[in-house]
Every structure is written in C-alpha cells, then in structure tokens.
Amino acid sequence: MAEPKRASRKRTKKTKISDIDRQISILLDTGKVVLGYNKSIKDLLLGETKLVIYAHNIQPERKKDLLYYAELGDIKAVEYPGTSLALGKLCGKLFPVTIISVKDLGEAEF
C-alpha cells in the first residue's frame, strides 16, 4: 500500500514595509535629496536642508556633529532604525548611506 502523497505548501516571504521606509521611498521619488555625510553637513551649515535622516549605526562623533548642526539650524533629524547598508539599499545604491539630507520633501510626510 502506497503512502498518501503530502501536499506541498508554498512558502511565501512576507515583508513588512515600515512607515519610515515607505516615506523615504516617496521622498526619493518626489523630493530632492542629497546623500552622504560631507554634502549633508555642508547643506546644514548653509541652511539649505529641511530634514536630515541618518542611519542607526552612524559613528558617534558624526552623529554628535550632525545633531548639533541640526539643532543650530532648527532642522528636524530623524533616525532610521536600520543600518547604513539597509538605508543605501532603500535608496537604490550598492554602497552604505549614512545620511540623507532633504532639500525638498515632495509628497512625503515627516
């Protein structure tokens, strides 16, 4: 007597896109952004940025400088909960991105 054949289940990978990921995607599509620490700090000092998003694993010295300059310019700073590699991947880059400086929000809501 043959064993009954087991029905195979297809495993589907469920990925949850967090709200901040969704907003960053909208921001990249509709807004104006600058990637990178040096350019972002320069924009902060010149007052050309409206929002700064930084990765969770940014170096402590850089984070301290970034938050100081953002506070001086009364600019909102948002911490991305993922790593710089995840932030770079979200931006469509093959390298780590530690800071995104936002010049124009577009349709994003932060």
N, C-alpha and C. Protein backbone atom coordinates (compact mmCIF):
# COMPACT_ATOMS: atom_id res chain seq x y z
N MET A 1 0.85 -1.17 0.00
CA MET A 1 0.00 0.00 0.00
C MET A 1 0.90 1.24 0.00
N ALA A 2 0.62 2.14 -0.89
CA ALA A 2 1.45 3.34 -1.05
C ALA A 2 1.02 4.40 -0.04
N GLU A 3 2.01 5.13 0.41
CA GLU A 3 1.74 6.23 1.34
C GLU A 3 1.01 7.35 0.61
N PRO A 4 0.09 8.00 1.30
CA PRO A 4 -0.59 9.12 0.64
C PRO A 4 0.40 10.26 0.38
N LYS A 5 0.23 10.90 -0.74
CA LYS A 5 1.12 11.98 -1.12
C LYS A 5 0.79 13.24 -0.31
N ARG A 6 1.82 13.84 0.25
CA ARG A 6 1.61 15.05 1.04
C ARG A 6 1.54 16.25 0.11
N ALA A 7 0.62 17.07 0.40
CA ALA A 7 0.51 18.31 -0.38
C ALA A 7 1.61 19.26 0.05
N SER A 8 2.31 19.77 -0.91
CA SER A 8 3.40 20.70 -0.56
C SER A 8 2.85 22.11 -0.44
N ARG A 9 3.37 22.79 0.53
CA ARG A 9 2.96 24.18 0.74
C ARG A 9 3.99 25.10 0.12
N LYS A 10 3.50 26.12 -0.48
CA LYS A 10 4.42 27.13 -0.97
C LYS A 10 4.66 28.11 0.16
N ARG A 11 5.90 28.36 0.40
CA ARG A 11 6.24 29.33 1.42
C ARG A 11 6.38 30.69 0.77
N THR A 12 5.68 31.60 1.34
CA THR A 12 5.77 32.95 0.84
C THR A 12 6.47 33.81 1.88
N LYS A 13 7.36 34.63 1.41
CA LYS A 13 8.09 35.51 2.31
C LYS A 13 7.28 36.79 2.47
N LYS A 14 6.88 37.04 3.68
CA LYS A 14 6.11 38.24 3.96
C LYS A 14 7.07 39.32 4.43
N THR A 15 7.07 40.40 3.71
CA THR A 15 7.93 41.51 4.11
C THR A 15 7.05 42.68 4.50
N LYS A 16 7.32 43.18 5.64
CA LYS A 16 6.58 44.35 6.10
C LYS A 16 7.41 45.58 5.78
N ILE A 17 6.80 46.50 5.10
CA ILE A 17 7.46 47.76 4.83
C ILE A 17 7.02 48.73 5.91
N SER A 18 7.98 49.17 6.67
CA SER A 18 7.64 50.08 7.76
C SER A 18 7.25 51.44 7.19
N ASP A 19 6.65 52.23 8.03
CA ASP A 19 6.17 53.54 7.60
C ASP A 19 7.33 54.44 7.17
N ILE A 20 8.44 54.38 7.88
CA ILE A 20 9.57 55.24 7.52
C ILE A 20 10.17 54.81 6.18
N ASP A 21 10.19 53.50 5.91
CA ASP A 21 10.67 53.02 4.61
C ASP A 21 9.78 53.53 3.49
N ARG A 22 8.50 53.49 3.71
CA ARG A 22 7.55 53.96 2.71
C ARG A 22 7.72 55.46 2.46
N GLN A 23 7.88 56.22 3.53
CA GLN A 23 8.05 57.67 3.40
C GLN A 23 9.37 58.03 2.71
N ILE A 24 10.42 57.28 3.00
CA ILE A 24 11.69 57.53 2.33
C ILE A 24 11.59 57.20 0.85
N SER A 25 10.89 56.14 0.50
CA SER A 25 10.69 55.80 -0.91
C SER A 25 9.94 56.90 -1.64
N ILE A 26 8.89 57.42 -1.00
CA ILE A 26 8.14 58.53 -1.60
C ILE A 26 9.03 59.75 -1.73
N LEU A 27 9.82 60.00 -0.70
CA LEU A 27 10.73 61.14 -0.69
C LEU A 27 11.74 61.06 -1.83
N LEU A 28 12.30 59.87 -2.04
CA LEU A 28 13.28 59.70 -3.11
C LEU A 28 12.66 59.87 -4.49
N ASP A 29 11.39 59.48 -4.64
CA ASP A 29 10.72 59.60 -5.93
C ASP A 29 10.27 61.02 -6.23
N THR A 30 9.77 61.73 -5.22
CA THR A 30 9.15 63.03 -5.49
C THR A 30 9.92 64.22 -4.96
N GLY A 31 10.85 64.00 -4.05
CA GLY A 31 11.56 65.12 -3.43
C GLY A 31 12.95 65.31 -3.99
N LYS A 32 13.69 66.17 -3.32
CA LYS A 32 15.06 66.46 -3.69
C LYS A 32 15.94 66.13 -2.50
N VAL A 33 16.89 65.19 -2.69
CA VAL A 33 17.73 64.75 -1.59
C VAL A 33 19.20 64.77 -1.98
N VAL A 34 20.04 64.79 -0.95
CA VAL A 34 21.49 64.70 -1.10
C VAL A 34 21.94 63.56 -0.20
N LEU A 35 22.76 62.66 -0.73
CA LEU A 35 23.26 61.53 0.04
C LEU A 35 24.70 61.78 0.46
N GLY A 36 25.04 61.38 1.68
CA GLY A 36 26.42 61.46 2.13
C GLY A 36 26.62 62.46 3.25
N TYR A 37 27.63 62.17 4.06
CA TYR A 37 27.91 62.97 5.24
C TYR A 37 28.42 64.36 4.90
N ASN A 38 29.46 64.44 4.06
CA ASN A 38 30.10 65.73 3.79
C ASN A 38 29.14 66.72 3.14
N LYS A 39 28.43 66.28 2.13
CA LYS A 39 27.49 67.17 1.45
C LYS A 39 26.33 67.56 2.37
N SER A 40 25.90 66.63 3.21
CA SER A 40 24.80 66.93 4.12
C SER A 40 25.21 67.96 5.18
N ILE A 41 26.41 67.83 5.71
CA ILE A 41 26.90 68.79 6.69
C ILE A 41 27.02 70.18 6.05
N LYS A 42 27.52 70.21 4.82
CA LYS A 42 27.65 71.49 4.11
C LYS A 42 26.28 72.14 3.93
N ASP A 43 25.28 71.34 3.54
CA ASP A 43 23.92 71.87 3.36
C ASP A 43 23.32 72.32 4.69
N LEU A 44 23.63 71.60 5.77
CA LEU A 44 23.15 72.01 7.09
C LEU A 44 23.73 73.37 7.49
N LEU A 45 25.01 73.54 7.25
CA LEU A 45 25.67 74.79 7.61
C LEU A 45 25.16 75.97 6.77
N LEU A 46 24.80 75.70 5.51
CA LEU A 46 24.29 76.75 4.64
C LEU A 46 22.79 76.98 4.81
N GLY A 47 22.13 76.09 5.55
CA GLY A 47 20.70 76.23 5.79
C GLY A 47 19.84 75.84 4.59
N GLU A 48 20.36 74.97 3.74
CA GLU A 48 19.65 74.57 2.53
C GLU A 48 18.83 73.30 2.71
N THR A 49 18.81 72.73 3.88
CA THR A 49 18.11 71.48 4.09
C THR A 49 16.93 71.67 5.04
N LYS A 50 15.91 70.83 4.87
CA LYS A 50 14.71 70.90 5.70
C LYS A 50 14.61 69.74 6.69
N LEU A 51 15.26 68.62 6.35
CA LEU A 51 15.18 67.41 7.16
C LEU A 51 16.44 66.59 6.95
N VAL A 52 16.87 65.90 8.00
CA VAL A 52 18.03 65.02 7.90
C VAL A 52 17.63 63.64 8.42
N ILE A 53 17.93 62.62 7.64
CA ILE A 53 17.67 61.23 8.05
C ILE A 53 19.04 60.55 8.15
N TYR A 54 19.31 59.93 9.31
CA TYR A 54 20.60 59.27 9.50
C TYR A 54 20.39 57.84 9.96
N ALA A 55 21.35 56.98 9.59
CA ALA A 55 21.27 55.55 9.91
C ALA A 55 21.55 55.32 11.39
N HIS A 56 21.05 54.21 11.87
CA HIS A 56 21.19 53.84 13.28
C HIS A 56 22.66 53.62 13.67
N ASN A 57 23.46 53.10 12.75
CA ASN A 57 24.84 52.75 13.08
C ASN A 57 25.86 53.80 12.67
N ILE A 58 25.45 55.05 12.62
CA ILE A 58 26.38 56.13 12.29
C ILE A 58 27.41 56.26 13.41
N GLN A 59 28.61 56.71 13.06
CA GLN A 59 29.66 56.87 14.07
C GLN A 59 29.24 57.91 15.10
N PRO A 60 29.52 57.68 16.38
CA PRO A 60 29.07 58.60 17.43
C PRO A 60 29.53 60.04 17.25
N GLU A 61 30.76 60.25 16.78
CA GLU A 61 31.25 61.61 16.58
C GLU A 61 30.47 62.32 15.49
N ARG A 62 30.20 61.60 14.41
CA ARG A 62 29.44 62.18 13.30
C ARG A 62 28.00 62.46 13.72
N LYS A 63 27.43 61.56 14.51
CA LYS A 63 26.06 61.76 14.98
C LYS A 63 25.99 63.01 15.86
N LYS A 64 26.98 63.17 16.71
CA LYS A 64 27.01 64.32 17.61
C LYS A 64 27.09 65.62 16.81
N ASP A 65 27.99 65.67 15.81
CA ASP A 65 28.11 66.85 14.95
C ASP A 65 26.82 67.11 14.18
N LEU A 66 26.25 66.07 13.62
CA LEU A 66 25.02 66.19 12.84
C LEU A 66 23.88 66.76 13.68
N LEU A 67 23.69 66.20 14.86
CA LEU A 67 22.61 66.66 15.72
C LEU A 67 22.85 68.09 16.21
N TYR A 68 24.11 68.44 16.43
CA TYR A 68 24.45 69.80 16.86
C TYR A 68 24.10 70.81 15.76
N TYR A 69 24.52 70.53 14.54
CA TYR A 69 24.24 71.44 13.43
C TYR A 69 22.75 71.49 13.11
N ALA A 70 22.06 70.37 13.25
CA ALA A 70 20.62 70.36 13.01
C ALA A 70 19.90 71.19 14.06
N GLU A 71 20.36 71.11 15.30
CA GLU A 71 19.76 71.90 16.37
C GLU A 71 20.01 73.39 16.16
N LEU A 72 21.19 73.74 15.71
CA LEU A 72 21.51 75.14 15.45
C LEU A 72 20.60 75.73 14.37
N GLY A 73 20.34 74.95 13.34
CA GLY A 73 19.51 75.43 12.23
C GLY A 73 18.04 75.16 12.42
N ASP A 74 17.65 74.61 13.58
CA ASP A 74 16.26 74.26 13.86
C ASP A 74 15.71 73.33 12.78
N ILE A 75 16.48 72.28 12.47
CA ILE A 75 16.14 71.31 11.43
C ILE A 75 15.85 69.97 12.09
N LYS A 76 14.80 69.33 11.66
CA LYS A 76 14.40 68.04 12.23
C LYS A 76 15.37 66.95 11.78
N ALA A 77 15.82 66.13 12.73
CA ALA A 77 16.71 65.00 12.45
C ALA A 77 15.97 63.72 12.83
N VAL A 78 15.90 62.77 11.89
CA VAL A 78 15.18 61.52 12.10
C VAL A 78 16.17 60.36 12.02
N GLU A 79 16.12 59.46 13.01
CA GLU A 79 17.00 58.29 12.99
C GLU A 79 16.31 57.15 12.27
N TYR A 80 16.97 56.61 11.24
CA TYR A 80 16.47 55.44 10.53
C TYR A 80 16.82 54.21 11.37
N PRO A 81 15.87 53.33 11.65
CA PRO A 81 16.14 52.21 12.56
C PRO A 81 17.07 51.14 12.02
N GLY A 82 17.33 51.15 10.73
CA GLY A 82 18.20 50.15 10.13
C GLY A 82 19.63 50.63 10.01
N THR A 83 20.46 49.79 9.41
CA THR A 83 21.87 50.12 9.24
C THR A 83 22.06 50.99 8.00
N SER A 84 23.29 51.44 7.83
CA SER A 84 23.60 52.26 6.66
C SER A 84 23.52 51.44 5.37
N LEU A 85 23.79 50.14 5.46
CA LEU A 85 23.64 49.28 4.28
C LEU A 85 22.17 49.17 3.88
N ALA A 86 21.29 49.03 4.86
CA ALA A 86 19.85 48.95 4.56
C ALA A 86 19.34 50.28 4.00
N LEU A 87 19.85 51.39 4.53
CA LEU A 87 19.46 52.70 4.02
C LEU A 87 19.96 52.90 2.60
N GLY A 88 21.16 52.45 2.32
CA GLY A 88 21.68 52.52 0.96
C GLY A 88 20.88 51.67 -0.01
N LYS A 89 20.49 50.49 0.44
CA LYS A 89 19.68 49.60 -0.40
C LYS A 89 18.31 50.22 -0.67
N LEU A 90 17.75 50.87 0.33
CA LEU A 90 16.46 51.54 0.16
C LEU A 90 16.57 52.68 -0.84
N CYS A 91 17.72 53.33 -0.88
CA CYS A 91 17.96 54.43 -1.82
C CYS A 91 18.31 53.92 -3.22
N GLY A 92 18.48 52.61 -3.36
CA GLY A 92 18.82 52.06 -4.65
C GLY A 92 20.31 52.10 -4.95
N LYS A 93 21.12 52.20 -3.92
CA LYS A 93 22.57 52.27 -4.07
C LYS A 93 23.19 50.97 -3.62
N LEU A 94 24.38 50.68 -4.13
CA LEU A 94 25.09 49.46 -3.77
C LEU A 94 26.15 49.71 -2.70
N PHE A 95 26.05 50.86 -2.06
CA PHE A 95 27.00 51.21 -1.01
C PHE A 95 26.24 51.76 0.20
N PRO A 96 26.88 51.77 1.37
CA PRO A 96 26.20 52.29 2.57
C PRO A 96 25.94 53.79 2.47
N VAL A 97 24.77 54.20 2.94
CA VAL A 97 24.41 55.61 3.00
C VAL A 97 24.10 55.91 4.46
N THR A 98 24.89 56.78 5.09
CA THR A 98 24.67 57.07 6.50
C THR A 98 23.72 58.24 6.70
N ILE A 99 23.72 59.20 5.77
CA ILE A 99 22.89 60.39 5.95
C ILE A 99 22.20 60.76 4.65
N ILE A 100 20.93 61.11 4.77
CA ILE A 100 20.18 61.69 3.66
C ILE A 100 19.76 63.09 4.09
N SER A 101 20.17 64.07 3.31
CA SER A 101 19.78 65.45 3.56
C SER A 101 18.66 65.80 2.59
N VAL A 102 17.55 66.28 3.11
CA VAL A 102 16.37 66.54 2.29
C VAL A 102 16.25 68.03 2.02
N LYS A 103 16.27 68.39 0.75
CA LYS A 103 16.11 69.79 0.37
C LYS A 103 14.65 70.11 0.09
N ASP A 104 13.94 69.14 -0.48
CA ASP A 104 12.51 69.32 -0.78
C ASP A 104 11.79 68.02 -0.44
N LEU A 105 10.74 68.08 0.38
CA LEU A 105 10.04 66.88 0.83
C LEU A 105 9.21 66.21 -0.25
N GLY A 106 8.79 66.94 -1.25
CA GLY A 106 7.92 66.35 -2.27
C GLY A 106 6.58 65.99 -1.64
N GLU A 107 6.14 64.77 -1.82
CA GLU A 107 4.86 64.31 -1.27
C GLU A 107 5.02 63.54 0.03
N ALA A 108 6.22 63.42 0.53
CA ALA A 108 6.47 62.68 1.78
C ALA A 108 6.01 63.49 2.98
N GLU A 109 5.64 62.77 4.03
CA GLU A 109 5.16 63.40 5.26
C GLU A 109 6.02 62.98 6.44
N PHE A 110 6.87 63.86 6.86
CA PHE A 110 7.71 63.59 8.03
C PHE A 110 7.37 64.52 9.15
